[in-house]
Amino acid sequence: MFQAPTQTPHILTLLDDLPTRDDKLIARHLGVTARTIARWRDQEGAPRMAHLALFWETRWGLSVAHCHAVNGERVALGLARSLERENATLRTRIARLEEMGDFGAANSPLYATR
């Protein structure tokens, strides 16, 4: 699934939100010339690829990345807790079966605490 946003802030908003206002640094980051950045400012538009690259460098892109990280962590934590509960339940069941007696199994009980 694609993570690219379908809508982004205006190019001038993105450029103004960058940690630097230096067009030369921005141009170097994008692999274009400073004149190209100036032209985007004048025309108030840029190619979608540049728009997306700049988006991820701004507070909006960082916010999206942060939300994905937090949500992923919550899902992983929930899964881990669920598996811990299931594991504890299964260990309890095994212990109960082992207490019931020796059923002539080839192996000795795995979880015997005796």
PDB file of N, CA and C in Angstrom:
ATOM      1  N   MET A   1       0.836  -1.178   0.000  1.00  0.00           N
ATOM      2  CA  MET A   1       0.000   0.000   0.000  1.00  0.00           C
ATOM      3  C   MET A   1       0.884   1.246   0.000  1.00  0.00           C
ATOM      4  N   PHE A   2       0.499   2.231  -0.758  1.00  0.00           N
ATOM      5  CA  PHE A   2       1.279   3.455  -0.857  1.00  0.00           C
ATOM      6  C   PHE A   2       1.069   4.339   0.365  1.00  0.00           C
ATOM      7  N   GLN A   3       2.132   4.995   0.796  1.00  0.00           N
ATOM      8  CA  GLN A   3       2.071   5.895   1.947  1.00  0.00           C
ATOM      9  C   GLN A   3       2.056   7.363   1.526  1.00  0.00           C
ATOM     10  N   ALA A   4       2.219   7.619   0.234  1.00  0.00           N
ATOM     11  CA  ALA A   4       2.258   9.006  -0.230  1.00  0.00           C
ATOM     12  C   ALA A   4       0.904   9.674  -0.003  1.00  0.00           C
ATOM     13  N   PRO A   5       0.911  10.900   0.477  1.00  0.00           N
ATOM     14  CA  PRO A   5      -0.351  11.599   0.712  1.00  0.00           C
ATOM     15  C   PRO A   5      -1.025  11.952  -0.612  1.00  0.00           C
ATOM     16  N   THR A   6      -2.347  11.953  -0.605  1.00  0.00           N
ATOM     17  CA  THR A   6      -3.075  12.344  -1.818  1.00  0.00           C
ATOM     18  C   THR A   6      -3.164  13.856  -1.939  1.00  0.00           C
ATOM     19  N   GLN A   7      -3.110  14.539  -0.808  1.00  0.00           N
ATOM     20  CA  GLN A   7      -3.129  15.998  -0.819  1.00  0.00           C
ATOM     21  C   GLN A   7      -2.016  16.506   0.093  1.00  0.00           C
ATOM     22  N   THR A   8      -1.372  17.563  -0.353  1.00  0.00           N
ATOM     23  CA  THR A   8      -0.308  18.183   0.437  1.00  0.00           C
ATOM     24  C   THR A   8      -0.551  19.689   0.496  1.00  0.00           C
ATOM     25  N   PRO A   9       0.060  20.352   1.457  1.00  0.00           N
ATOM     26  CA  PRO A   9      -0.051  21.812   1.487  1.00  0.00           C
ATOM     27  C   PRO A   9       0.563  22.430   0.224  1.00  0.00           C
ATOM     28  N   HIS A  10       0.238  23.660  -0.026  1.00  0.00           N
ATOM     29  CA  HIS A  10       0.752  24.400  -1.188  1.00  0.00           C
ATOM     30  C   HIS A  10       2.275  24.427  -1.139  1.00  0.00           C
ATOM     31  N   ILE A  11       2.907  24.486  -2.303  1.00  0.00           N
ATOM     32  CA  ILE A  11       4.375  24.450  -2.395  1.00  0.00           C
ATOM     33  C   ILE A  11       5.015  25.584  -1.589  1.00  0.00           C
ATOM     34  N   LEU A  12       4.421  26.765  -1.592  1.00  0.00           N
ATOM     35  CA  LEU A  12       5.001  27.880  -0.830  1.00  0.00           C
ATOM     36  C   LEU A  12       4.914  27.605   0.675  1.00  0.00           C
ATOM     37  N   THR A  13       3.845  26.968   1.090  1.00  0.00           N
ATOM     38  CA  THR A  13       3.701  26.605   2.497  1.00  0.00           C
ATOM     39  C   THR A  13       4.763  25.581   2.884  1.00  0.00           C
ATOM     40  N   LEU A  14       4.975  24.601   2.009  1.00  0.00           N
ATOM     41  CA  LEU A  14       6.002  23.596   2.278  1.00  0.00           C
ATOM     42  C   LEU A  14       7.389  24.230   2.358  1.00  0.00           C
ATOM     43  N   LEU A  15       7.698  25.076   1.395  1.00  0.00           N
ATOM     44  CA  LEU A  15       9.019  25.722   1.380  1.00  0.00           C
ATOM     45  C   LEU A  15       9.220  26.586   2.624  1.00  0.00           C
ATOM     46  N   ASP A  16       8.169  27.263   3.048  1.00  0.00           N
ATOM     47  CA  ASP A  16       8.276  28.120   4.237  1.00  0.00           C
ATOM     48  C   ASP A  16       8.398  27.320   5.524  1.00  0.00           C
ATOM     49  N   ASP A  17       7.947  26.077   5.512  1.00  0.00           N
ATOM     50  CA  ASP A  17       7.972  25.254   6.721  1.00  0.00           C
ATOM     51  C   ASP A  17       9.275  24.460   6.884  1.00  0.00           C
ATOM     52  N   LEU A  18      10.133  24.502   5.904  1.00  0.00           N
ATOM     53  CA  LEU A  18      11.396  23.768   5.997  1.00  0.00           C
ATOM     54  C   LEU A  18      12.293  24.391   7.056  1.00  0.00           C
ATOM     55  N   PRO A  19      13.189  23.586   7.636  1.00  0.00           N
ATOM     56  CA  PRO A  19      14.084  24.122   8.672  1.00  0.00           C
ATOM     57  C   PRO A  19      15.054  25.179   8.134  1.00  0.00           C
ATOM     58  N   THR A  20      15.213  25.251   6.833  1.00  0.00           N
ATOM     59  CA  THR A  20      16.090  26.253   6.227  1.00  0.00           C
ATOM     60  C   THR A  20      15.334  27.018   5.156  1.00  0.00           C
ATOM     61  N   ARG A  21      15.716  28.265   4.969  1.00  0.00           N
ATOM     62  CA  ARG A  21      15.121  29.085   3.901  1.00  0.00           C
ATOM     63  C   ARG A  21      16.109  29.227   2.738  1.00  0.00           C
ATOM     64  N   ASP A  22      17.255  28.584   2.855  1.00  0.00           N
ATOM     65  CA  ASP A  22      18.312  28.691   1.851  1.00  0.00           C
ATOM     66  C   ASP A  22      17.973  27.832   0.636  1.00  0.00           C
ATOM     67  N   ASP A  23      17.647  28.498  -0.476  1.00  0.00           N
ATOM     68  CA  ASP A  23      17.269  27.781  -1.697  1.00  0.00           C
ATOM     69  C   ASP A  23      18.388  26.874  -2.210  1.00  0.00           C
ATOM     70  N   LYS A  24      19.634  27.252  -1.967  1.00  0.00           N
ATOM     71  CA  LYS A  24      20.749  26.415  -2.428  1.00  0.00           C
ATOM     72  C   LYS A  24      20.754  25.070  -1.689  1.00  0.00           C
ATOM     73  N   LEU A  25      20.521  25.099  -0.388  1.00  0.00           N
ATOM     74  CA  LEU A  25      20.468  23.851   0.387  1.00  0.00           C
ATOM     75  C   LEU A  25      19.270  22.995  -0.022  1.00  0.00           C
ATOM     76  N   ILE A  26      18.136  23.654  -0.205  1.00  0.00           N
ATOM     77  CA  ILE A  26      16.932  22.928  -0.628  1.00  0.00           C
ATOM     78  C   ILE A  26      17.161  22.297  -2.000  1.00  0.00           C
ATOM     79  N   ALA A  27      17.747  23.071  -2.898  1.00  0.00           N
ATOM     80  CA  ALA A  27      18.015  22.577  -4.263  1.00  0.00           C
ATOM     81  C   ALA A  27      18.968  21.390  -4.225  1.00  0.00           C
ATOM     82  N   ARG A  28      20.009  21.479  -3.414  1.00  0.00           N
ATOM     83  CA  ARG A  28      20.966  20.372  -3.312  1.00  0.00           C
ATOM     84  C   ARG A  28      20.279  19.112  -2.789  1.00  0.00           C
ATOM     85  N   HIS A  29      19.407  19.301  -1.820  1.00  0.00           N
ATOM     86  CA  HIS A  29      18.664  18.162  -1.250  1.00  0.00           C
ATOM     87  C   HIS A  29      17.796  17.488  -2.317  1.00  0.00           C
ATOM     88  N   LEU A  30      17.187  18.278  -3.184  1.00  0.00           N
ATOM     89  CA  LEU A  30      16.283  17.743  -4.204  1.00  0.00           C
ATOM     90  C   LEU A  30      16.993  17.365  -5.505  1.00  0.00           C
ATOM     91  N   GLY A  31      18.252  17.765  -5.636  1.00  0.00           N
ATOM     92  CA  GLY A  31      18.983  17.466  -6.874  1.00  0.00           C
ATOM     93  C   GLY A  31      18.601  18.379  -8.032  1.00  0.00           C
ATOM     94  N   VAL A  32      18.240  19.610  -7.702  1.00  0.00           N
ATOM     95  CA  VAL A  32      17.912  20.604  -8.731  1.00  0.00           C
ATOM     96  C   VAL A  32      18.750  21.856  -8.460  1.00  0.00           C
ATOM     97  N   THR A  33      18.554  22.874  -9.276  1.00  0.00           N
ATOM     98  CA  THR A  33      19.301  24.118  -9.074  1.00  0.00           C
ATOM     99  C   THR A  33      18.497  25.087  -8.197  1.00  0.00           C
ATOM    100  N   ALA A  34      19.206  26.047  -7.633  1.00  0.00           N
ATOM    101  CA  ALA A  34      18.541  27.078  -6.827  1.00  0.00           C
ATOM    102  C   ALA A  34      17.583  27.884  -7.702  1.00  0.00           C
ATOM    103  N   ARG A  35      17.929  28.044  -8.963  1.00  0.00           N
ATOM    104  CA  ARG A  35      17.052  28.761  -9.903  1.00  0.00           C
ATOM    105  C   ARG A  35      15.722  28.017 -10.071  1.00  0.00           C
ATOM    106  N   THR A  36      15.782  26.698 -10.049  1.00  0.00           N
ATOM    107  CA  THR A  36      14.562  25.896 -10.163  1.00  0.00           C
ATOM    108  C   THR A  36      13.658  26.150  -8.962  1.00  0.00           C
ATOM    109  N   ILE A  37      14.250  26.213  -7.776  1.00  0.00           N
ATOM    110  CA  ILE A  37      13.470  26.500  -6.574  1.00  0.00           C
ATOM    111  C   ILE A  37      12.838  27.887  -6.681  1.00  0.00           C
ATOM    112  N   ALA A  38      13.612  28.855  -7.154  1.00  0.00           N
ATOM    113  CA  ALA A  38      13.094  30.219  -7.324  1.00  0.00           C
ATOM    114  C   ALA A  38      11.940  30.230  -8.326  1.00  0.00           C
ATOM    115  N   ARG A  39      12.065  29.445  -9.383  1.00  0.00           N
ATOM    116  CA  ARG A  39      11.006  29.375 -10.396  1.00  0.00           C
ATOM    117  C   ARG A  39       9.730  28.763  -9.784  1.00  0.00           C
ATOM    118  N   TRP A  40       9.900  27.732  -8.942  1.00  0.00           N
ATOM    119  CA  TRP A  40       8.734  27.125  -8.289  1.00  0.00           C
ATOM    120  C   TRP A  40       8.044  28.157  -7.394  1.00  0.00           C
ATOM    121  N   ARG A  41       8.853  28.981  -6.719  1.00  0.00           N
ATOM    122  CA  ARG A  41       8.272  30.027  -5.867  1.00  0.00           C
ATOM    123  C   ARG A  41       7.493  31.028  -6.719  1.00  0.00           C
ATOM    124  N   ASP A  42       8.105  31.443  -7.840  1.00  0.00           N
ATOM    125  CA  ASP A  42       7.461  32.435  -8.713  1.00  0.00           C
ATOM    126  C   ASP A  42       6.185  31.890  -9.339  1.00  0.00           C
ATOM    127  N   GLN A  43       6.230  30.639  -9.777  1.00  0.00           N
ATOM    128  CA  GLN A  43       5.075  30.033 -10.456  1.00  0.00           C
ATOM    129  C   GLN A  43       4.081  29.415  -9.470  1.00  0.00           C
ATOM    130  N   GLU A  44       4.483  29.381  -8.194  1.00  0.00           N
ATOM    131  CA  GLU A  44       3.666  28.780  -7.138  1.00  0.00           C
ATOM    132  C   GLU A  44       3.244  27.354  -7.490  1.00  0.00           C
ATOM    133  N   GLY A  45       4.200  26.601  -7.998  1.00  0.00           N
ATOM    134  CA  GLY A  45       3.941  25.206  -8.335  1.00  0.00           C
ATOM    135  C   GLY A  45       5.248  24.460  -8.518  1.00  0.00           C
ATOM    136  N   ALA A  46       5.185  23.144  -8.314  1.00  0.00           N
ATOM    137  CA  ALA A  46       6.359  22.286  -8.462  1.00  0.00           C
ATOM    138  C   ALA A  46       5.887  20.904  -8.900  1.00  0.00           C
ATOM    139  N   PRO A  47       6.777  20.110  -9.479  1.00  0.00           N
ATOM    140  CA  PRO A  47       6.394  18.745  -9.838  1.00  0.00           C
ATOM    141  C   PRO A  47       5.981  17.951  -8.596  1.00  0.00           C
ATOM    142  N   ARG A  48       5.108  16.994  -8.799  1.00  0.00           N
ATOM    143  CA  ARG A  48       4.596  16.195  -7.672  1.00  0.00           C
ATOM    144  C   ARG A  48       5.731  15.531  -6.898  1.00  0.00           C
ATOM    145  N   MET A  49       6.740  15.034  -7.579  1.00  0.00           N
ATOM    146  CA  MET A  49       7.842  14.360  -6.884  1.00  0.00           C
ATOM    147  C   MET A  49       8.555  15.318  -5.927  1.00  0.00           C
ATOM    148  N   ALA A  50       8.759  16.540  -6.357  1.00  0.00           N
ATOM    149  CA  ALA A  50       9.393  17.534  -5.483  1.00  0.00           C
ATOM    150  C   ALA A  50       8.467  17.877  -4.315  1.00  0.00           C
ATOM    151  N   HIS A  51       7.188  17.984  -4.627  1.00  0.00           N
ATOM    152  CA  HIS A  51       6.191  18.266  -3.600  1.00  0.00           C
ATOM    153  C   HIS A  51       6.229  17.192  -2.508  1.00  0.00           C
ATOM    154  N   LEU A  52       6.261  15.933  -2.941  1.00  0.00           N
ATOM    155  CA  LEU A  52       6.281  14.835  -1.976  1.00  0.00           C
ATOM    156  C   LEU A  52       7.571  14.810  -1.175  1.00  0.00           C
ATOM    157  N   ALA A  53       8.688  15.043  -1.848  1.00  0.00           N
ATOM    158  CA  ALA A  53       9.975  15.047  -1.139  1.00  0.00           C
ATOM    159  C   ALA A  53       9.997  16.148  -0.078  1.00  0.00           C
ATOM    160  N   LEU A  54       9.482  17.306  -0.418  1.00  0.00           N
ATOM    161  CA  LEU A  54       9.447  18.410   0.539  1.00  0.00           C
ATOM    162  C   LEU A  54       8.429  18.143   1.649  1.00  0.00           C
ATOM    163  N   PHE A  55       7.321  17.514   1.305  1.00  0.00           N
ATOM    164  CA  PHE A  55       6.286  17.211   2.296  1.00  0.00           C
ATOM    165  C   PHE A  55       6.868  16.438   3.473  1.00  0.00           C
ATOM    166  N   TRP A  56       7.680  15.408   3.189  1.00  0.00           N
ATOM    167  CA  TRP A  56       8.210  14.557   4.265  1.00  0.00           C
ATOM    168  C   TRP A  56       9.242  15.277   5.119  1.00  0.00           C
ATOM    169  N   GLU A  57       9.715  16.431   4.679  1.00  0.00           N
ATOM    170  CA  GLU A  57      10.677  17.221   5.453  1.00  0.00           C
ATOM    171  C   GLU A  57       9.993  18.267   6.334  1.00  0.00           C
ATOM    172  N   THR A  58       8.698  18.424   6.201  1.00  0.00           N
ATOM    173  CA  THR A  58       7.964  19.448   6.954  1.00  0.00           C
ATOM    174  C   THR A  58       7.238  18.839   8.143  1.00  0.00           C
ATOM    175  N   ARG A  59       6.622  19.695   8.936  1.00  0.00           N
ATOM    176  CA  ARG A  59       5.888  19.202  10.111  1.00  0.00           C
ATOM    177  C   ARG A  59       4.729  18.288   9.725  1.00  0.00           C
ATOM    178  N   TRP A  60       4.152  18.487   8.535  1.00  0.00           N
ATOM    179  CA  TRP A  60       3.035  17.634   8.119  1.00  0.00           C
ATOM    180  C   TRP A  60       3.518  16.214   7.830  1.00  0.00           C
ATOM    181  N   GLY A  61       4.584  16.111   7.094  1.00  0.00           N
ATOM    182  CA  GLY A  61       5.128  14.794   6.787  1.00  0.00           C
ATOM    183  C   GLY A  61       5.654  14.093   8.027  1.00  0.00           C
ATOM    184  N   LEU A  62       6.352  14.834   8.864  1.00  0.00           N
ATOM    185  CA  LEU A  62       6.865  14.250  10.109  1.00  0.00           C
ATOM    186  C   LEU A  62       5.719  13.803  11.012  1.00  0.00           C
ATOM    187  N   SER A  63       4.617  14.546  10.998  1.00  0.00           N
ATOM    188  CA  SER A  63       3.452  14.179  11.787  1.00  0.00           C
ATOM    189  C   SER A  63       2.844  12.866  11.280  1.00  0.00           C
ATOM    190  N   VAL A  64       2.748  12.719   9.969  1.00  0.00           N
ATOM    191  CA  VAL A  64       2.230  11.476   9.389  1.00  0.00           C
ATOM    192  C   VAL A  64       3.139  10.305   9.763  1.00  0.00           C
ATOM    193  N   ALA A  65       4.450  10.490   9.614  1.00  0.00           N
ATOM    194  CA  ALA A  65       5.399   9.427   9.953  1.00  0.00           C
ATOM    195  C   ALA A  65       5.304   9.064  11.433  1.00  0.00           C
ATOM    196  N   HIS A  66       5.172  10.069  12.282  1.00  0.00           N
ATOM    197  CA  HIS A  66       5.058   9.832  13.722  1.00  0.00           C
ATOM    198  C   HIS A  66       3.782   9.044  14.039  1.00  0.00           C
ATOM    199  N   CYS A  67       2.672   9.421  13.423  1.00  0.00           N
ATOM    200  CA  CYS A  67       1.406   8.710  13.657  1.00  0.00           C
ATOM    201  C   CYS A  67       1.516   7.249  13.242  1.00  0.00           C
ATOM    202  N   HIS A  68       2.140   6.988  12.084  1.00  0.00           N
ATOM    203  CA  HIS A  68       2.324   5.606  11.640  1.00  0.00           C
ATOM    204  C   HIS A  68       3.182   4.832  12.644  1.00  0.00           C
ATOM    205  N   ALA A  69       4.223   5.458  13.152  1.00  0.00           N
ATOM    206  CA  ALA A  69       5.097   4.782  14.115  1.00  0.00           C
ATOM    207  C   ALA A  69       4.360   4.477  15.413  1.00  0.00           C
ATOM    208  N   VAL A  70       3.613   5.454  15.925  1.00  0.00           N
ATOM    209  CA  VAL A  70       2.883   5.255  17.176  1.00  0.00           C
ATOM    210  C   VAL A  70       1.809   4.182  17.001  1.00  0.00           C
ATOM    211  N   ASN A  71       1.061   4.250  15.908  1.00  0.00           N
ATOM    212  CA  ASN A  71       0.014   3.247  15.682  1.00  0.00           C
ATOM    213  C   ASN A  71       0.609   1.855  15.497  1.00  0.00           C
ATOM    214  N   GLY A  72       1.720   1.759  14.787  1.00  0.00           N
ATOM    215  CA  GLY A  72       2.380   0.471  14.624  1.00  0.00           C
ATOM    216  C   GLY A  72       2.850  -0.095  15.947  1.00  0.00           C
ATOM    217  N   GLU A  73       3.385   0.774  16.795  1.00  0.00           N
ATOM    218  CA  GLU A  73       3.838   0.339  18.123  1.00  0.00           C
ATOM    219  C   GLU A  73       2.659  -0.159  18.957  1.00  0.00           C
ATOM    220  N   ARG A  74       1.528   0.525  18.892  1.00  0.00           N
ATOM    221  CA  ARG A  74       0.353   0.109  19.665  1.00  0.00           C
ATOM    222  C   ARG A  74      -0.191  -1.231  19.190  1.00  0.00           C
ATOM    223  N   VAL A  75      -0.196  -1.438  17.888  1.00  0.00           N
ATOM    224  CA  VAL A  75      -0.650  -2.721  17.349  1.00  0.00           C
ATOM    225  C   VAL A  75       0.296  -3.836  17.789  1.00  0.00           C
ATOM    226  N   ALA A  76       1.595  -3.596  17.690  1.00  0.00           N
ATOM    227  CA  ALA A  76       2.576  -4.612  18.089  1.00  0.00           C
ATOM    228  C   ALA A  76       2.474  -4.921  19.582  1.00  0.00           C
ATOM    229  N   LEU A  77       2.304  -3.898  20.401  1.00  0.00           N
ATOM    230  CA  LEU A  77       2.165  -4.100  21.844  1.00  0.00           C
ATOM    231  C   LEU A  77       0.894  -4.890  22.165  1.00  0.00           C
ATOM    232  N   GLY A  78      -0.191  -4.562  21.501  1.00  0.00           N
ATOM    233  CA  GLY A  78      -1.435  -5.295  21.704  1.00  0.00           C
ATOM    234  C   GLY A  78      -1.301  -6.758  21.319  1.00  0.00           C
ATOM    235  N   LEU A  79      -0.630  -7.013  20.206  1.00  0.00           N
ATOM    236  CA  LEU A  79      -0.406  -8.392  19.775  1.00  0.00           C
ATOM    237  C   LEU A  79       0.464  -9.127  20.781  1.00  0.00           C
ATOM    238  N   ALA A  80       1.524  -8.496  21.249  1.00  0.00           N
ATOM    239  CA  ALA A  80       2.417  -9.134  22.228  1.00  0.00           C
ATOM    240  C   ALA A  80       1.659  -9.464  23.512  1.00  0.00           C
ATOM    241  N   ARG A  81       0.850  -8.550  23.982  1.00  0.00           N
ATOM    242  CA  ARG A  81       0.075  -8.805  25.208  1.00  0.00           C
ATOM    243  C   ARG A  81      -0.939  -9.927  24.998  1.00  0.00           C
ATOM    244  N   SER A  82      -1.556  -9.937  23.847  1.00  0.00           N
ATOM    245  CA  SER A  82      -2.512 -10.997  23.530  1.00  0.00           C
ATOM    246  C   SER A  82      -1.824 -12.359  23.509  1.00  0.00           C
ATOM    247  N   LEU A  83      -0.657 -12.421  22.905  1.00  0.00           N
ATOM    248  CA  LEU A  83       0.084 -13.680  22.852  1.00  0.00           C
ATOM    249  C   LEU A  83       0.557 -14.113  24.238  1.00  0.00           C
ATOM    250  N   GLU A  84       0.924 -13.148  25.076  1.00  0.00           N
ATOM    251  CA  GLU A  84       1.309 -13.480  26.457  1.00  0.00           C
ATOM    252  C   GLU A  84       0.133 -14.094  27.210  1.00  0.00           C
ATOM    253  N   ARG A  85      -1.070 -13.513  27.031  1.00  0.00           N
ATOM    254  CA  ARG A  85      -2.259 -14.068  27.694  1.00  0.00           C
ATOM    255  C   ARG A  85      -2.571 -15.469  27.172  1.00  0.00           C
ATOM    256  N   GLU A  86      -2.475 -15.639  25.867  1.00  0.00           N
ATOM    257  CA  GLU A  86      -2.735 -16.963  25.287  1.00  0.00           C
ATOM    258  C   GLU A  86      -1.720 -17.981  25.794  1.00  0.00           C
ATOM    259  N   ASN A  87      -0.467 -17.588  25.858  1.00  0.00           N
ATOM    260  CA  ASN A  87       0.587 -18.468  26.351  1.00  0.00           C
ATOM    261  C   ASN A  87       0.318 -18.876  27.802  1.00  0.00           C
ATOM    262  N   ALA A  88      -0.062 -17.919  28.631  1.00  0.00           N
ATOM    263  CA  ALA A  88      -0.363 -18.216  30.034  1.00  0.00           C
ATOM    264  C   ALA A  88      -1.545 -19.174  30.141  1.00  0.00           C
ATOM    265  N   THR A  89      -2.561 -18.970  29.324  1.00  0.00           N
ATOM    266  CA  THR A  89      -3.726 -19.862  29.326  1.00  0.00           C
ATOM    267  C   THR A  89      -3.326 -21.274  28.933  1.00  0.00           C
ATOM    268  N   LEU A  90      -2.514 -21.395  27.901  1.00  0.00           N
ATOM    269  CA  LEU A  90      -2.088 -22.724  27.455  1.00  0.00           C
ATOM    270  C   LEU A  90      -1.208 -23.415  28.492  1.00  0.00           C
ATOM    271  N   ARG A  91      -0.334 -22.674  29.139  1.00  0.00           N
ATOM    272  CA  ARG A  91       0.494 -23.262  30.196  1.00  0.00           C
ATOM    273  C   ARG A  91      -0.382 -23.770  31.350  1.00  0.00           C
ATOM    274  N   THR A  92      -1.421 -23.006  31.691  1.00  0.00           N
ATOM    275  CA  THR A  92      -2.347 -23.427  32.744  1.00  0.00           C
ATOM    276  C   THR A  92      -3.060 -24.718  32.338  1.00  0.00           C
ATOM    277  N   ARG A  93      -3.491 -24.802  31.099  1.00  0.00           N
ATOM    278  CA  ARG A  93      -4.164 -26.014  30.618  1.00  0.00           C
ATOM    279  C   ARG A  93      -3.223 -27.219  30.647  1.00  0.00           C
ATOM    280  N   ILE A  94      -1.991 -27.014  30.213  1.00  0.00           N
ATOM    281  CA  ILE A  94      -1.008 -28.114  30.221  1.00  0.00           C
ATOM    282  C   ILE A  94      -0.764 -28.583  31.652  1.00  0.00           C
ATOM    283  N   ALA A  95      -0.588 -27.623  32.564  1.00  0.00           N
ATOM    284  CA  ALA A  95      -0.361 -27.986  33.973  1.00  0.00           C
ATOM    285  C   ALA A  95      -1.542 -28.780  34.516  1.00  0.00           C
ATOM    286  N   ARG A  96      -2.755 -28.383  34.168  1.00  0.00           N
ATOM    287  CA  ARG A  96      -3.961 -29.094  34.627  1.00  0.00           C
ATOM    288  C   ARG A  96      -3.983 -30.516  34.083  1.00  0.00           C
ATOM    289  N   LEU A  97      -3.662 -30.682  32.817  1.00  0.00           N
ATOM    290  CA  LEU A  97      -3.636 -32.020  32.219  1.00  0.00           C
ATOM    291  C   LEU A  97      -2.551 -32.889  32.858  1.00  0.00           C
ATOM    292  N   GLU A  98      -1.410 -32.302  33.148  1.00  0.00           N
ATOM    293  CA  GLU A  98      -0.330 -33.057  33.788  1.00  0.00           C
ATOM    294  C   GLU A  98      -0.715 -33.483  35.198  1.00  0.00           C
ATOM    295  N   GLU A  99      -1.483 -32.665  35.883  1.00  0.00           N
ATOM    296  CA  GLU A  99      -1.934 -33.005  37.233  1.00  0.00           C
ATOM    297  C   GLU A  99      -2.929 -34.162  37.221  1.00  0.00           C
ATOM    298  N   MET A 100      -3.635 -34.300  36.123  1.00  0.00           N
ATOM    299  CA  MET A 100      -4.658 -35.350  36.038  1.00  0.00           C
ATOM    300  C   MET A 100      -4.035 -36.749  36.067  1.00  0.00           C
ATOM    301  N   GLY A 101      -2.807 -36.869  35.657  1.00  0.00           N
ATOM    302  CA  GLY A 101      -2.167 -38.176  35.747  1.00  0.00           C
ATOM    303  C   GLY A 101      -1.296 -38.484  34.557  1.00  0.00           C
ATOM    304  N   ASP A 102      -0.649 -39.618  34.648  1.00  0.00           N
ATOM    305  CA  ASP A 102       0.239 -40.103  33.599  1.00  0.00           C
ATOM    306  C   ASP A 102      -0.609 -40.925  32.629  1.00  0.00           C
ATOM    307  N   PHE A 103      -0.630 -40.507  31.409  1.00  0.00           N
ATOM    308  CA  PHE A 103      -1.449 -41.179  30.404  1.00  0.00           C
ATOM    309  C   PHE A 103      -0.623 -42.094  29.512  1.00  0.00           C
ATOM    310  N   GLY A 104       0.605 -42.394  29.935  1.00  0.00           N
ATOM    311  CA  GLY A 104       1.433 -43.293  29.158  1.00  0.00           C
ATOM    312  C   GLY A 104       2.047 -42.656  27.921  1.00  0.00           C
ATOM    313  N   ALA A 105       2.306 -41.363  27.987  1.00  0.00           N
ATOM    314  CA  ALA A 105       2.905 -40.686  26.843  1.00  0.00           C
ATOM    315  C   ALA A 105       4.365 -41.076  26.726  1.00  0.00           C
ATOM    316  N   ALA A 106       4.904 -41.052  25.525  1.00  0.00           N
ATOM    317  CA  ALA A 106       6.289 -41.405  25.286  1.00  0.00           C
ATOM    318  C   ALA A 106       7.256 -40.410  25.919  1.00  0.00           C
ATOM    319  N   ASN A 107       6.843 -39.181  26.019  1.00  0.00           N
ATOM    320  CA  ASN A 107       7.708 -38.135  26.582  1.00  0.00           C
ATOM    321  C   ASN A 107       7.232 -37.788  27.981  1.00  0.00           C
ATOM    322  N   SER A 108       8.164 -37.330  28.798  1.00  0.00           N
ATOM    323  CA  SER A 108       7.760 -36.865  30.105  1.00  0.00           C
ATOM    324  C   SER A 108       7.131 -35.479  29.943  1.00  0.00           C
ATOM    325  N   PRO A 109       6.318 -35.062  30.920  1.00  0.00           N
ATOM    326  CA  PRO A 109       5.639 -33.753  30.798  1.00  0.00           C
ATOM    327  C   PRO A 109       6.654 -32.620  30.593  1.00  0.00           C
ATOM    328  N   LEU A 110       6.295 -31.683  29.715  1.00  0.00           N
ATOM    329  CA  LEU A 110       7.183 -30.576  29.383  1.00  0.00           C
ATOM    330  C   LEU A 110       7.231 -29.508  30.465  1.00  0.00           C
ATOM    331  N   TYR A 111       6.116 -29.250  31.101  1.00  0.00           N
ATOM    332  CA  TYR A 111       6.034 -28.112  32.001  1.00  0.00           C
ATOM    333  C   TYR A 111       5.848 -28.524  33.462  1.00  0.00           C
ATOM    334  N   ALA A 112       6.239 -29.739  33.790  1.00  0.00           N
ATOM    335  CA  ALA A 112       6.064 -30.205  35.161  1.00  0.00           C
ATOM    336  C   ALA A 112       6.871 -29.358  36.129  1.00  0.00           C
ATOM    337  N   THR A 113       6.253 -28.970  37.210  1.00  0.00           N
ATOM    338  CA  THR A 113       6.931 -28.139  38.213  1.00  0.00           C
ATOM    339  C   THR A 113       7.271 -28.964  39.442  1.00  0.00           C
ATOM    340  N   ARG A 114       7.129 -30.274  39.357  1.00  0.00           N
ATOM    341  CA  ARG A 114       7.383 -31.154  40.497  1.00  0.00           C
ATOM    342  C   ARG A 114       8.841 -31.345  40.731  1.00  0.00           C
TER     343      ARG A 114
END
